[in-house]
C-alpha cells in the first residue's frame, strides 16, 4: 500500500495541488472531527460508491488512524485507482502534528 504523511498532504493542499481527500470514517466520527474539503464515504459504502471517485486525480484516503483507510486504499488499487494513497496516522496524526484545533478522540 502506498502512503502519504500528513505533512506531505498538508504541503500539497497548501500548494493547491489537486487531491481528493476521501474520509472513510463513520458519520459519528465525522461529527466529532473533520477536515474541510473532504469527501465522506464510510468504508462500508465504498464497494457500492467507489465509482463516484475520479480516476484522474490523486486520492488521499483518511480514517482515524490509518487502518481502515489502508484497506480502502488496497481496495481502490485492486479496482484500478492506482492514484490512491493512505494517509499515514489518519486524522489523529493530523490533529497531533498539523492542526491541534481538530479534536482528537
PDB file of N, CA and C in Angstrom:
ATOM      1  N   UNK A   1       0.844  -1.178   0.000  1.00  0.00           N
ATOM      2  CA  UNK A   1       0.000   0.000   0.000  1.00  0.00           C
ATOM      3  C   UNK A   1       0.888   1.241   0.000  1.00  0.00           C
ATOM      4  N   UNK A   2       0.485   2.211  -0.753  1.00  0.00           N
ATOM      5  CA  UNK A   2       1.200   3.477  -0.839  1.00  0.00           C
ATOM      6  C   UNK A   2       0.656   4.421   0.228  1.00  0.00           C
ATOM      7  N   UNK A   3       1.554   5.145   0.900  1.00  0.00           N
ATOM      8  CA  UNK A   3       1.130   6.062   1.956  1.00  0.00           C
ATOM      9  C   UNK A   3       1.650   7.472   1.698  1.00  0.00           C
ATOM     10  N   UNK A   4       0.979   8.419   2.329  1.00  0.00           N
ATOM     11  CA  UNK A   4       1.407   9.810   2.337  1.00  0.00           C
ATOM     12  C   UNK A   4       1.381  10.268   3.791  1.00  0.00           C
ATOM     13  N   UNK A   5       2.368  11.044   4.186  1.00  0.00           N
ATOM     14  CA  UNK A   5       2.376  11.588   5.548  1.00  0.00           C
ATOM     15  C   UNK A   5       1.404  12.763   5.624  1.00  0.00           C
ATOM     16  N   UNK A   6       0.972  13.071   6.839  1.00  0.00           N
ATOM     17  CA  UNK A   6       0.087  14.228   6.986  1.00  0.00           C
ATOM     18  C   UNK A   6       0.821  15.517   6.619  1.00  0.00           C
ATOM     19  N   UNK A   7       2.126  15.555   6.847  1.00  0.00           N
ATOM     20  CA  UNK A   7       2.900  16.741   6.482  1.00  0.00           C
ATOM     21  C   UNK A   7       2.916  16.941   4.964  1.00  0.00           C
ATOM     22  N   UNK A   8       3.106  15.846   4.223  1.00  0.00           N
ATOM     23  CA  UNK A   8       3.123  15.950   2.763  1.00  0.00           C
ATOM     24  C   UNK A   8       1.731  16.278   2.232  1.00  0.00           C
ATOM     25  N   UNK A   9       0.703  15.704   2.839  1.00  0.00           N
ATOM     26  CA  UNK A   9      -0.665  16.024   2.431  1.00  0.00           C
ATOM     27  C   UNK A   9      -0.945  17.510   2.647  1.00  0.00           C
ATOM     28  N   UNK A  10      -0.552  18.046   3.793  1.00  0.00           N
ATOM     29  CA  UNK A  10      -0.763  19.476   4.057  1.00  0.00           C
ATOM     30  C   UNK A  10      -0.019  20.320   3.027  1.00  0.00           C
ATOM     31  N   UNK A  11       1.220  19.957   2.740  1.00  0.00           N
ATOM     32  CA  UNK A  11       2.004  20.715   1.760  1.00  0.00           C
ATOM     33  C   UNK A  11       1.294  20.730   0.410  1.00  0.00           C
ATOM     34  N   UNK A  12       0.790  19.578  -0.008  1.00  0.00           N
ATOM     35  CA  UNK A  12       0.097  19.500  -1.303  1.00  0.00           C
ATOM     36  C   UNK A  12      -1.178  20.339  -1.300  1.00  0.00           C
ATOM     37  N   UNK A  13      -1.939  20.252  -0.221  1.00  0.00           N
ATOM     38  CA  UNK A  13      -3.173  21.039  -0.140  1.00  0.00           C
ATOM     39  C   UNK A  13      -2.862  22.532  -0.121  1.00  0.00           C
ATOM     40  N   UNK A  14      -1.852  22.924   0.670  1.00  0.00           N
ATOM     41  CA  UNK A  14      -1.475  24.341   0.743  1.00  0.00           C
ATOM     42  C   UNK A  14      -0.992  24.868  -0.605  1.00  0.00           C
ATOM     43  N   UNK A  15      -0.355  24.007  -1.391  1.00  0.00           N
ATOM     44  CA  UNK A  15       0.156  24.401  -2.709  1.00  0.00           C
ATOM     45  C   UNK A  15      -0.941  24.412  -3.771  1.00  0.00           C
ATOM     46  N   UNK A  16      -2.138  23.977  -3.392  1.00  0.00           N
ATOM     47  CA  UNK A  16      -3.239  23.952  -4.340  1.00  0.00           C
ATOM     48  C   UNK A  16      -3.180  22.801  -5.322  1.00  0.00           C
ATOM     49  N   UNK A  17      -2.364  21.795  -5.011  1.00  0.00           N
ATOM     50  CA  UNK A  17      -2.292  20.625  -5.889  1.00  0.00           C
ATOM     51  C   UNK A  17      -3.621  19.880  -5.832  1.00  0.00           C
ATOM     52  N   UNK A  18      -4.077  19.359  -6.961  1.00  0.00           N
ATOM     53  CA  UNK A  18      -5.342  18.626  -6.950  1.00  0.00           C
ATOM     54  C   UNK A  18      -5.193  17.318  -6.174  1.00  0.00           C
ATOM     55  N   UNK A  19      -6.053  17.137  -5.198  1.00  0.00           N
ATOM     56  CA  UNK A  19      -6.099  15.884  -4.440  1.00  0.00           C
ATOM     57  C   UNK A  19      -7.500  15.744  -3.851  1.00  0.00           C
ATOM     58  N   UNK A  20      -8.077  14.564  -4.014  1.00  0.00           N
ATOM     59  CA  UNK A  20      -9.354  14.252  -3.383  1.00  0.00           C
ATOM     60  C   UNK A  20      -9.031  13.684  -2.014  1.00  0.00           C
ATOM     61  N   UNK A  21      -9.537  14.312  -0.962  1.00  0.00           N
ATOM     62  CA  UNK A  21      -9.379  13.795   0.389  1.00  0.00           C
ATOM     63  C   UNK A  21     -10.613  12.960   0.688  1.00  0.00           C
ATOM     64  N   UNK A  22     -10.441  11.639   0.697  1.00  0.00           N
ATOM     65  CA  UNK A  22     -11.548  10.707   0.907  1.00  0.00           C
ATOM     66  C   UNK A  22     -11.537  10.246   2.355  1.00  0.00           C
ATOM     67  N   UNK A  23     -12.529  10.658   3.118  1.00  0.00           N
ATOM     68  CA  UNK A  23     -12.657  10.293   4.531  1.00  0.00           C
ATOM     69  C   UNK A  23     -13.618   9.110   4.621  1.00  0.00           C
ATOM     70  N   UNK A  24     -13.117   7.970   5.110  1.00  0.00           N
ATOM     71  CA  UNK A  24     -13.916   6.740   5.134  1.00  0.00           C
ATOM     72  C   UNK A  24     -14.422   6.403   6.535  1.00  0.00           C
ATOM     73  N   UNK A  25     -14.373   7.377   7.444  1.00  0.00           N
ATOM     74  CA  UNK A  25     -14.873   7.153   8.804  1.00  0.00           C
ATOM     75  C   UNK A  25     -16.401   7.176   8.834  1.00  0.00           C
ATOM     76  N   UNK A  26     -16.938   6.785   9.982  1.00  0.00           N
ATOM     77  CA  UNK A  26     -18.384   6.743  10.184  1.00  0.00           C
ATOM     78  C   UNK A  26     -18.924   8.147  10.494  1.00  0.00           C
ATOM     79  N   UNK A  27     -20.224   8.372  10.241  1.00  0.00           N
ATOM     80  CA  UNK A  27     -20.799   9.705  10.461  1.00  0.00           C
ATOM     81  C   UNK A  27     -20.585  10.263  11.870  1.00  0.00           C
ATOM     82  N   UNK A  28     -20.654   9.421  12.899  1.00  0.00           N
ATOM     83  CA  UNK A  28     -20.451   9.933  14.256  1.00  0.00           C
ATOM     84  C   UNK A  28     -19.017  10.413  14.466  1.00  0.00           C
ATOM     85  N   UNK A  29     -18.059   9.784  13.799  1.00  0.00           N
ATOM     86  CA  UNK A  29     -16.669  10.230  13.891  1.00  0.00           C
ATOM     87  C   UNK A  29     -16.489  11.572  13.177  1.00  0.00           C
ATOM     88  N   UNK A  30     -17.131  11.702  12.041  1.00  0.00           N
ATOM     89  CA  UNK A  30     -17.035  12.941  11.270  1.00  0.00           C
ATOM     90  C   UNK A  30     -17.685  14.090  12.037  1.00  0.00           C
ATOM     91  N   UNK A  31     -18.747  13.793  12.792  1.00  0.00           N
ATOM     92  CA  UNK A  31     -19.378  14.824  13.615  1.00  0.00           C
ATOM     93  C   UNK A  31     -18.431  15.322  14.700  1.00  0.00           C
ATOM     94  N   UNK A  32     -17.498  14.473  15.118  1.00  0.00           N
ATOM     95  CA  UNK A  32     -16.529  14.841  16.154  1.00  0.00           C
ATOM     96  C   UNK A  32     -15.371  15.643  15.586  1.00  0.00           C
ATOM     97  N   UNK A  33     -14.846  15.203  14.444  1.00  0.00           N
ATOM     98  CA  UNK A  33     -13.660  15.846  13.864  1.00  0.00           C
ATOM     99  C   UNK A  33     -13.651  15.621  12.365  1.00  0.00           C
ATOM    100  N   UNK A  34     -13.388  16.685  11.607  1.00  0.00           N
ATOM    101  CA  UNK A  34     -13.327  16.542  10.150  1.00  0.00           C
ATOM    102  C   UNK A  34     -12.381  17.571   9.565  1.00  0.00           C
ATOM    103  N   UNK A  35     -11.956  17.301   8.341  1.00  0.00           N
ATOM    104  CA  UNK A  35     -11.111  18.235   7.605  1.00  0.00           C
ATOM    105  C   UNK A  35     -11.933  18.867   6.491  1.00  0.00           C
ATOM    106  N   UNK A  36     -11.808  20.167   6.346  1.00  0.00           N
ATOM    107  CA  UNK A  36     -12.539  20.887   5.306  1.00  0.00           C
ATOM    108  C   UNK A  36     -12.187  20.343   3.929  1.00  0.00           C
ATOM    109  N   UNK A  37     -13.192  20.257   3.087  1.00  0.00           N
ATOM    110  CA  UNK A  37     -12.982  19.850   1.709  1.00  0.00           C
ATOM    111  C   UNK A  37     -12.957  18.358   1.475  1.00  0.00           C
ATOM    112  N   UNK A  38     -13.171  17.570   2.523  1.00  0.00           N
ATOM    113  CA  UNK A  38     -13.133  16.112   2.366  1.00  0.00           C
ATOM    114  C   UNK A  38     -14.416  15.594   1.719  1.00  0.00           C
ATOM    115  N   UNK A  39     -14.268  14.477   1.023  1.00  0.00           N
ATOM    116  CA  UNK A  39     -15.395  13.709   0.504  1.00  0.00           C
ATOM    117  C   UNK A  39     -15.644  12.588   1.502  1.00  0.00           C
ATOM    118  N   UNK A  40     -16.871  12.457   1.985  1.00  0.00           N
ATOM    119  CA  UNK A  40     -17.182  11.466   3.010  1.00  0.00           C
ATOM    120  C   UNK A  40     -17.921  10.275   2.412  1.00  0.00           C
ATOM    121  N   UNK A  41     -17.283   9.115   2.450  1.00  0.00           N
ATOM    122  CA  UNK A  41     -17.917   7.851   2.074  1.00  0.00           C
ATOM    123  C   UNK A  41     -17.476   6.827   3.120  1.00  0.00           C
ATOM    124  N   UNK A  42     -18.366   6.410   4.023  1.00  0.00           N
ATOM    125  CA  UNK A  42     -17.974   5.422   5.027  1.00  0.00           C
ATOM    126  C   UNK A  42     -17.414   4.157   4.370  1.00  0.00           C
ATOM    127  N   UNK A  43     -16.453   3.524   5.031  1.00  0.00           N
ATOM    128  CA  UNK A  43     -15.793   2.353   4.469  1.00  0.00           C
ATOM    129  C   UNK A  43     -16.795   1.307   3.992  1.00  0.00           C
ATOM    130  N   UNK A  44     -17.844   1.082   4.756  1.00  0.00           N
ATOM    131  CA  UNK A  44     -18.827   0.046   4.401  1.00  0.00           C
ATOM    132  C   UNK A  44     -19.562   0.365   3.101  1.00  0.00           C
ATOM    133  N   UNK A  45     -19.555   1.630   2.680  1.00  0.00           N
ATOM    134  CA  UNK A  45     -20.237   2.026   1.447  1.00  0.00           C
ATOM    135  C   UNK A  45     -19.309   2.074   0.235  1.00  0.00           C
ATOM    136  N   UNK A  46     -18.022   1.925   0.452  1.00  0.00           N
ATOM    137  CA  UNK A  46     -17.050   2.042  -0.642  1.00  0.00           C
ATOM    138  C   UNK A  46     -17.337   1.072  -1.789  1.00  0.00           C
ATOM    139  N   UNK A  47     -17.616  -0.226  -1.523  1.00  0.00           N
ATOM    140  CA  UNK A  47     -17.853  -1.132  -2.662  1.00  0.00           C
ATOM    141  C   UNK A  47     -18.988  -0.680  -3.583  1.00  0.00           C
ATOM    142  N   UNK A  48     -19.996  -0.017  -3.032  1.00  0.00           N
ATOM    143  CA  UNK A  48     -21.126   0.441  -3.839  1.00  0.00           C
ATOM    144  C   UNK A  48     -20.906   1.829  -4.437  1.00  0.00           C
ATOM    145  N   UNK A  49     -19.971   2.607  -3.872  1.00  0.00           N
ATOM    146  CA  UNK A  49     -19.874   4.012  -4.268  1.00  0.00           C
ATOM    147  C   UNK A  49     -18.526   4.434  -4.834  1.00  0.00           C
ATOM    148  N   UNK A  50     -17.551   3.521  -4.911  1.00  0.00           N
ATOM    149  CA  UNK A  50     -16.217   3.962  -5.340  1.00  0.00           C
ATOM    150  C   UNK A  50     -16.218   4.534  -6.748  1.00  0.00           C
ATOM    151  N   UNK A  51     -17.214   4.188  -7.549  1.00  0.00           N
ATOM    152  CA  UNK A  51     -17.316   4.737  -8.899  1.00  0.00           C
ATOM    153  C   UNK A  51     -17.548   6.242  -8.928  1.00  0.00           C
ATOM    154  N   UNK A  52     -17.912   6.830  -7.792  1.00  0.00           N
ATOM    155  CA  UNK A  52     -18.095   8.282  -7.695  1.00  0.00           C
ATOM    156  C   UNK A  52     -16.759   9.028  -7.710  1.00  0.00           C
ATOM    157  N   UNK A  53     -15.669   8.290  -7.485  1.00  0.00           N
ATOM    158  CA  UNK A  53     -14.352   8.917  -7.369  1.00  0.00           C
ATOM    159  C   UNK A  53     -13.708   9.096  -8.739  1.00  0.00           C
ATOM    160  N   UNK A  54     -12.961  10.186  -8.914  1.00  0.00           N
ATOM    161  CA  UNK A  54     -12.302  10.414 -10.200  1.00  0.00           C
ATOM    162  C   UNK A  54     -11.093   9.500 -10.379  1.00  0.00           C
ATOM    163  N   UNK A  55     -10.849   9.094 -11.616  1.00  0.00           N
ATOM    164  CA  UNK A  55      -9.664   8.284 -11.932  1.00  0.00           C
ATOM    165  C   UNK A  55      -8.445   9.156 -12.218  1.00  0.00           C
ATOM    166  N   UNK A  56      -8.670  10.433 -12.499  1.00  0.00           N
ATOM    167  CA  UNK A  56      -7.586  11.288 -12.977  1.00  0.00           C
ATOM    168  C   UNK A  56      -7.035  12.258 -11.931  1.00  0.00           C
ATOM    169  N   UNK A  57      -7.425  12.092 -10.682  1.00  0.00           N
ATOM    170  CA  UNK A  57      -6.966  12.963  -9.602  1.00  0.00           C
ATOM    171  C   UNK A  57      -6.436  12.100  -8.463  1.00  0.00           C
ATOM    172  N   UNK A  58      -5.303  12.465  -7.871  1.00  0.00           N
ATOM    173  CA  UNK A  58      -4.826  11.699  -6.719  1.00  0.00           C
ATOM    174  C   UNK A  58      -5.871  11.671  -5.603  1.00  0.00           C
ATOM    175  N   UNK A  59      -5.967  10.540  -4.930  1.00  0.00           N
ATOM    176  CA  UNK A  59      -6.922  10.348  -3.841  1.00  0.00           C
ATOM    177  C   UNK A  59      -6.135  10.021  -2.578  1.00  0.00           C
ATOM    178  N   UNK A  60      -6.315  10.826  -1.534  1.00  0.00           N
ATOM    179  CA  UNK A  60      -5.708  10.571  -0.228  1.00  0.00           C
ATOM    180  C   UNK A  60      -6.810  10.042   0.680  1.00  0.00           C
ATOM    181  N   UNK A  61      -6.680   8.795   1.128  1.00  0.00           N
ATOM    182  CA  UNK A  61      -7.727   8.126   1.898  1.00  0.00           C
ATOM    183  C   UNK A  61      -7.416   8.269   3.387  1.00  0.00           C
ATOM    184  N   UNK A  62      -8.404   8.737   4.143  1.00  0.00           N
ATOM    185  CA  UNK A  62      -8.237   9.099   5.547  1.00  0.00           C
ATOM    186  C   UNK A  62      -9.232   8.354   6.425  1.00  0.00           C
ATOM    187  N   UNK A  63      -8.769   7.891   7.585  1.00  0.00           N
ATOM    188  CA  UNK A  63      -9.673   7.391   8.624  1.00  0.00           C
ATOM    189  C   UNK A  63      -9.157   7.927   9.957  1.00  0.00           C
ATOM    190  N   UNK A  64      -9.444   7.241  11.060  1.00  0.00           N
ATOM    191  CA  UNK A  64      -8.982   7.721  12.361  1.00  0.00           C
ATOM    192  C   UNK A  64      -7.478   7.579  12.519  1.00  0.00           C
ATOM    193  N   UNK A  65      -6.951   6.376  12.234  1.00  0.00           N
ATOM    194  CA  UNK A  65      -5.519   6.160  12.477  1.00  0.00           C
ATOM    195  C   UNK A  65      -4.776   5.494  11.327  1.00  0.00           C
ATOM    196  N   UNK A  66      -5.461   5.158  10.252  1.00  0.00           N
ATOM    197  CA  UNK A  66      -4.795   4.600   9.078  1.00  0.00           C
ATOM    198  C   UNK A  66      -5.136   3.168   8.745  1.00  0.00           C
ATOM    199  N   UNK A  67      -5.824   2.456   9.620  1.00  0.00           N
ATOM    200  CA  UNK A  67      -6.163   1.057   9.361  1.00  0.00           C
ATOM    201  C   UNK A  67      -7.245   0.877   8.308  1.00  0.00           C
ATOM    202  N   UNK A  68      -8.396   1.482   8.541  1.00  0.00           N
ATOM    203  CA  UNK A  68      -9.492   1.367   7.569  1.00  0.00           C
ATOM    204  C   UNK A  68      -9.113   2.000   6.240  1.00  0.00           C
ATOM    205  N   UNK A  69      -8.471   3.144   6.309  1.00  0.00           N
ATOM    206  CA  UNK A  69      -8.087   3.814   5.063  1.00  0.00           C
ATOM    207  C   UNK A  69      -7.072   2.983   4.289  1.00  0.00           C
ATOM    208  N   UNK A  70      -6.228   2.234   4.984  1.00  0.00           N
ATOM    209  CA  UNK A  70      -5.296   1.334   4.305  1.00  0.00           C
ATOM    210  C   UNK A  70      -6.021   0.242   3.549  1.00  0.00           C
ATOM    211  N   UNK A  71      -7.056  -0.318   4.164  1.00  0.00           N
ATOM    212  CA  UNK A  71      -7.846  -1.357   3.487  1.00  0.00           C
ATOM    213  C   UNK A  71      -8.588  -0.776   2.284  1.00  0.00           C
ATOM    214  N   UNK A  72      -9.125   0.430   2.443  1.00  0.00           N
ATOM    215  CA  UNK A  72      -9.814   1.078   1.319  1.00  0.00           C
ATOM    216  C   UNK A  72      -8.821   1.398   0.204  1.00  0.00           C
ATOM    217  N   UNK A  73      -7.636   1.847   0.548  1.00  0.00           N
ATOM    218  CA  UNK A  73      -6.611   2.119  -0.463  1.00  0.00           C
ATOM    219  C   UNK A  73      -6.292   0.855  -1.249  1.00  0.00           C
ATOM    220  N   UNK A  74      -6.122  -0.268  -0.552  1.00  0.00           N
ATOM    221  CA  UNK A  74      -5.875  -1.546  -1.235  1.00  0.00           C
ATOM    222  C   UNK A  74      -7.037  -1.908  -2.151  1.00  0.00           C
ATOM    223  N   UNK A  75      -8.265  -1.712  -1.683  1.00  0.00           N
ATOM    224  CA  UNK A  75      -9.454  -1.994  -2.492  1.00  0.00           C
ATOM    225  C   UNK A  75      -9.465  -1.114  -3.743  1.00  0.00           C
ATOM    226  N   UNK A  76      -9.188   0.166  -3.572  1.00  0.00           N
ATOM    227  CA  UNK A  76      -9.184   1.075  -4.720  1.00  0.00           C
ATOM    228  C   UNK A  76      -8.111   0.677  -5.724  1.00  0.00           C
ATOM    229  N   UNK A  77      -6.925   0.323  -5.244  1.00  0.00           N
ATOM    230  CA  UNK A  77      -5.859  -0.130  -6.155  1.00  0.00           C
ATOM    231  C   UNK A  77      -6.323  -1.343  -6.945  1.00  0.00           C
ATOM    232  N   UNK A  78      -6.965  -2.293  -6.270  1.00  0.00           N
ATOM    233  CA  UNK A  78      -7.435  -3.513  -6.929  1.00  0.00           C
ATOM    234  C   UNK A  78      -8.510  -3.222  -7.969  1.00  0.00           C
ATOM    235  N   UNK A  79      -9.133  -2.054  -7.861  1.00  0.00           N
ATOM    236  CA  UNK A  79     -10.192  -1.677  -8.789  1.00  0.00           C
ATOM    237  C   UNK A  79      -9.772  -0.559  -9.739  1.00  0.00           C
ATOM    238  N   UNK A  80      -8.467  -0.438  -9.952  1.00  0.00           N
ATOM    239  CA  UNK A  80      -7.968   0.468 -10.976  1.00  0.00           C
ATOM    240  C   UNK A  80      -7.619   1.873 -10.536  1.00  0.00           C
ATOM    241  N   UNK A  81      -7.789   2.189  -9.270  1.00  0.00           N
ATOM    242  CA  UNK A  81      -7.462   3.526  -8.770  1.00  0.00           C
ATOM    243  C   UNK A  81      -6.027   3.528  -8.247  1.00  0.00           C
ATOM    244  N   UNK A  82      -5.085   3.493  -9.163  1.00  0.00           N
ATOM    245  CA  UNK A  82      -3.676   3.422  -8.779  1.00  0.00           C
ATOM    246  C   UNK A  82      -3.164   4.736  -8.197  1.00  0.00           C
ATOM    247  N   UNK A  83      -3.983   5.779  -8.253  1.00  0.00           N
ATOM    248  CA  UNK A  83      -3.616   7.093  -7.729  1.00  0.00           C
ATOM    249  C   UNK A  83      -4.025   7.277  -6.270  1.00  0.00           C
ATOM    250  N   UNK A  84      -4.523   6.217  -5.607  1.00  0.00           N
ATOM    251  CA  UNK A  84      -4.958   6.312  -4.212  1.00  0.00           C
ATOM    252  C   UNK A  84      -3.795   6.044  -3.266  1.00  0.00           C
ATOM    253  N   UNK A  85      -3.715   6.855  -2.210  1.00  0.00           N
ATOM    254  CA  UNK A  85      -2.700   6.675  -1.170  1.00  0.00           C
ATOM    255  C   UNK A  85      -3.375   6.742   0.197  1.00  0.00           C
ATOM    256  N   UNK A  86      -2.816   6.007   1.139  1.00  0.00           N
ATOM    257  CA  UNK A  86      -3.305   6.004   2.509  1.00  0.00           C
ATOM    258  C   UNK A  86      -2.664   7.165   3.272  1.00  0.00           C
ATOM    259  N   UNK A  87      -3.453   7.891   4.051  1.00  0.00           N
ATOM    260  CA  UNK A  87      -2.913   8.947   4.902  1.00  0.00           C
ATOM    261  C   UNK A  87      -2.407   8.286   6.182  1.00  0.00           C
ATOM    262  N   UNK A  88      -1.086   8.210   6.324  1.00  0.00           N
ATOM    263  CA  UNK A  88      -0.469   7.537   7.468  1.00  0.00           C
ATOM    264  C   UNK A  88      -0.867   8.229   8.771  1.00  0.00           C
ATOM    265  N   UNK A  89      -1.385   7.458   9.703  1.00  0.00           N
ATOM    266  CA  UNK A  89      -1.770   8.003  11.005  1.00  0.00           C
ATOM    267  C   UNK A  89      -3.145   8.622  11.055  1.00  0.00           C
ATOM    268  N   UNK A  90      -3.770   8.823   9.891  1.00  0.00           N
ATOM    269  CA  UNK A  90      -5.137   9.319   9.826  1.00  0.00           C
ATOM    270  C   UNK A  90      -5.346  10.701  10.428  1.00  0.00           C
ATOM    271  N   UNK A  91      -6.607  10.963  10.760  1.00  0.00           N
ATOM    272  CA  UNK A  91      -6.953  12.279  11.302  1.00  0.00           C
ATOM    273  C   UNK A  91      -6.324  12.481  12.674  1.00  0.00           C
ATOM    274  N   UNK A  92      -6.023  11.386  13.367  1.00  0.00           N
ATOM    275  CA  UNK A  92      -5.362  11.513  14.665  1.00  0.00           C
ATOM    276  C   UNK A  92      -3.972  12.130  14.496  1.00  0.00           C
ATOM    277  N   UNK A  93      -3.233  11.684  13.482  1.00  0.00           N
ATOM    278  CA  UNK A  93      -1.914  12.267  13.208  1.00  0.00           C
ATOM    279  C   UNK A  93      -2.048  13.719  12.757  1.00  0.00           C
ATOM    280  N   UNK A  94      -3.081  14.007  11.964  1.00  0.00           N
ATOM    281  CA  UNK A  94      -3.313  15.386  11.524  1.00  0.00           C
ATOM    282  C   UNK A  94      -3.534  16.281  12.746  1.00  0.00           C
ATOM    283  N   UNK A  95      -4.380  15.832  13.666  1.00  0.00           N
ATOM    284  CA  UNK A  95      -4.669  16.612  14.875  1.00  0.00           C
ATOM    285  C   UNK A  95      -3.423  16.803  15.730  1.00  0.00           C
ATOM    286  N   UNK A  96      -2.616  15.751  15.842  1.00  0.00           N
ATOM    287  CA  UNK A  96      -1.443  15.789  16.716  1.00  0.00           C
ATOM    288  C   UNK A  96      -0.303  16.628  16.146  1.00  0.00           C
ATOM    289  N   UNK A  97      -0.153  16.653  14.814  1.00  0.00           N
ATOM    290  CA  UNK A  97       1.036  17.293  14.252  1.00  0.00           C
ATOM    291  C   UNK A  97       0.771  18.491  13.346  1.00  0.00           C
ATOM    292  N   UNK A  98      -0.432  18.600  12.799  1.00  0.00           N
ATOM    293  CA  UNK A  98      -0.715  19.676  11.840  1.00  0.00           C
ATOM    294  C   UNK A  98      -1.652  20.729  12.423  1.00  0.00           C
ATOM    295  N   UNK A  99      -2.785  20.298  12.964  1.00  0.00           N
ATOM    296  CA  UNK A  99      -3.807  21.246  13.403  1.00  0.00           C
ATOM    297  C   UNK A  99      -4.437  20.788  14.713  1.00  0.00           C
ATOM    298  N   UNK A 100      -3.940  21.280  15.843  1.00  0.00           N
ATOM    299  CA  UNK A 100      -4.486  20.857  17.129  1.00  0.00           C
ATOM    300  C   UNK A 100      -5.921  21.321  17.378  1.00  0.00           C
ATOM    301  N   UNK A 101      -6.457  22.188  16.510  1.00  0.00           N
ATOM    302  CA  UNK A 101      -7.857  22.586  16.676  1.00  0.00           C
ATOM    303  C   UNK A 101      -8.816  21.497  16.208  1.00  0.00           C
ATOM    304  N   UNK A 102      -8.303  20.502  15.467  1.00  0.00           N
ATOM    305  CA  UNK A 102      -9.127  19.354  15.077  1.00  0.00           C
ATOM    306  C   UNK A 102      -9.172  18.421  16.284  1.00  0.00           C
ATOM    307  N   UNK A 103     -10.355  18.173  16.843  1.00  0.00           N
ATOM    308  CA  UNK A 103     -10.441  17.366  18.065  1.00  0.00           C
ATOM    309  C   UNK A 103      -9.872  15.958  17.889  1.00  0.00           C
ATOM    310  N   UNK A 104      -9.206  15.494  18.934  1.00  0.00           N
ATOM    311  CA  UNK A 104      -8.722  14.106  18.970  1.00  0.00           C
ATOM    312  C   UNK A 104      -9.736  13.293  19.748  1.00  0.00           C
ATOM    313  N   UNK A 105      -9.900  12.042  19.340  1.00  0.00           N
ATOM    314  CA  UNK A 105     -10.845  11.157  20.032  1.00  0.00           C
ATOM    315  C   UNK A 105     -10.308   9.761  20.053  1.00  0.00           C
TER     316      UNK A 105
END
